[in-house]
């Protein structure tokens, strides 16, 4: 093999390895971003559900508004 062909194959293999590394990092970053977006979207919903379940509105007669007569 000539020197030129050897350089071609070396650069070709190096570019494939570097591309695979970049793609894997981007996929990990996208997974992280998607997880953060889902957590931020679901947090208020879960908060209000837990608030309704764990802290029910207990109103006695003293907390009710008086009506005008």
C-alpha atoms as a PDB file:
ATOM      1  CA  UNK A   1       0.000   0.000   0.000  1.00  0.00           C
ATOM      2  CA  UNK A   2       1.142   3.454  -0.722  1.00  0.00           C
ATOM      3  CA  UNK A   3       1.566   6.094   1.909  1.00  0.00           C
ATOM      4  CA  UNK A   4      -1.373   8.040   0.540  1.00  0.00           C
ATOM      5  CA  UNK A   5      -3.765   5.085   0.826  1.00  0.00           C
ATOM      6  CA  UNK A   6      -2.612   4.442   4.376  1.00  0.00           C
ATOM      7  CA  UNK A   7      -3.326   8.046   5.350  1.00  0.00           C
ATOM      8  CA  UNK A   8      -6.762   7.824   3.735  1.00  0.00           C
ATOM      9  CA  UNK A   9      -7.718   4.760   5.787  1.00  0.00           C
ATOM     10  CA  UNK A  10      -6.290   6.251   8.971  1.00  0.00           C
ATOM     11  CA  UNK A  11      -8.266   9.483   8.541  1.00  0.00           C
ATOM     12  CA  UNK A  12     -11.384   7.514   7.550  1.00  0.00           C
ATOM     13  CA  UNK A  13     -11.280   5.329  10.673  1.00  0.00           C
ATOM     14  CA  UNK A  14     -10.474   8.314  12.907  1.00  0.00           C
ATOM     15  CA  UNK A  15     -13.421  10.284  11.509  1.00  0.00           C
ATOM     16  CA  UNK A  16     -15.792   7.371  12.124  1.00  0.00           C
ATOM     17  CA  UNK A  17     -14.609   7.011  15.736  1.00  0.00           C
ATOM     18  CA  UNK A  18     -14.868  10.741  16.408  1.00  0.00           C
ATOM     19  CA  UNK A  19     -18.340  10.896  14.798  1.00  0.00           C
ATOM     20  CA  UNK A  20     -19.553   7.995  16.940  1.00  0.00           C
ATOM     21  CA  UNK A  21     -18.246   9.690  20.076  1.00  0.00           C
ATOM     22  CA  UNK A  22     -19.930  12.993  19.205  1.00  0.00           C
ATOM     23  CA  UNK A  23     -23.229  11.280  18.392  1.00  0.00           C
ATOM     24  CA  UNK A  24     -23.202   9.335  21.661  1.00  0.00           C
ATOM     25  CA  UNK A  25     -22.556  12.528  23.645  1.00  0.00           C
ATOM     26  CA  UNK A  26     -25.391  14.306  21.832  1.00  0.00           C
ATOM     27  CA  UNK A  27     -27.779  11.423  22.495  1.00  0.00           C
ATOM     28  CA  UNK A  28     -26.909  11.506  26.198  1.00  0.00           C
ATOM     29  CA  UNK A  29     -27.440  15.259  26.269  1.00  0.00           C
ATOM     30  CA  UNK A  30     -30.810  14.925  24.536  1.00  0.00           C
ATOM     31  CA  UNK A  31     -31.901  12.266  27.037  1.00  0.00           C
ATOM     32  CA  UNK A  32     -30.920  14.546  29.901  1.00  0.00           C
ATOM     33  CA  UNK A  33     -32.740  17.528  28.393  1.00  0.00           C
ATOM     34  CA  UNK A  34     -35.848  15.423  27.780  1.00  0.00           C
ATOM     35  CA  UNK A  35     -35.803  14.144  31.348  1.00  0.00           C
ATOM     36  CA  UNK A  36     -35.492  17.689  32.735  1.00  0.00           C
ATOM     37  CA  UNK A  37     -38.371  18.914  30.556  1.00  0.00           C
ATOM     38  CA  UNK A  38     -40.592  16.024  31.664  1.00  0.00           C
ATOM     39  CA  UNK A  39     -39.776  16.619  35.327  1.00  0.00           C
ATOM     40  CA  UNK A  40     -40.521  20.323  35.014  1.00  0.00           C
ATOM     41  CA  UNK A  41     -43.786  19.611  33.196  1.00  0.00           C
ATOM     42  CA  UNK A  42     -45.005  16.945  35.619  1.00  0.00           C
ATOM     43  CA  UNK A  43     -43.930  18.561  38.892  1.00  0.00           C
ATOM     44  CA  UNK A  44     -46.862  21.014  39.163  1.00  0.00           C
ATOM     45  CA  UNK A  45     -49.390  18.310  38.290  1.00  0.00           C
ATOM     46  CA  UNK A  46     -48.020  15.923  40.910  1.00  0.00           C
ATOM     47  CA  UNK A  47     -47.811  18.771  43.431  1.00  0.00           C
ATOM     48  CA  UNK A  48     -51.496  19.611  43.085  1.00  0.00           C
ATOM     49  CA  UNK A  49     -52.524  15.948  43.189  1.00  0.00           C
ATOM     50  CA  UNK A  50     -50.532  15.377  46.374  1.00  0.00           C
ATOM     51  CA  UNK A  51     -51.848  18.599  47.871  1.00  0.00           C
ATOM     52  CA  UNK A  52     -55.437  17.479  47.270  1.00  0.00           C
ATOM     53  CA  UNK A  53     -54.785  13.987  48.622  1.00  0.00           C
ATOM     54  CA  UNK A  54     -52.689  14.835  51.658  1.00  0.00           C
ATOM     55  CA  UNK A  55     -54.131  18.196  52.677  1.00  0.00           C
ATOM     56  CA  UNK A  56     -57.890  18.062  52.181  1.00  0.00           C
ATOM     57  CA  UNK A  57     -59.837  21.250  52.769  1.00  0.00           C
ATOM     58  CA  UNK A  58     -61.090  21.016  56.332  1.00  0.00           C
ATOM     59  CA  UNK A  59     -63.329  23.961  56.923  1.00  0.00           C
ATOM     60  CA  UNK A  60     -65.258  24.294  60.101  1.00  0.00           C
ATOM     61  CA  UNK A  61     -67.884  26.867  60.899  1.00  0.00           C
ATOM     62  CA  UNK A  62     -65.360  29.474  62.093  1.00  0.00           C
ATOM     63  CA  UNK A  63     -63.517  29.564  58.761  1.00  0.00           C
ATOM     64  CA  UNK A  64     -66.606  30.042  56.609  1.00  0.00           C
ATOM     65  CA  UNK A  65     -67.515  33.501  55.426  1.00  0.00           C
ATOM     66  CA  UNK A  66     -70.504  35.030  57.144  1.00  0.00           C
ATOM     67  CA  UNK A  67     -73.408  35.915  54.900  1.00  0.00           C
ATOM     68  CA  UNK A  68     -74.935  39.379  54.979  1.00  0.00           C
ATOM     69  CA  UNK A  69     -78.509  39.729  56.174  1.00  0.00           C
END
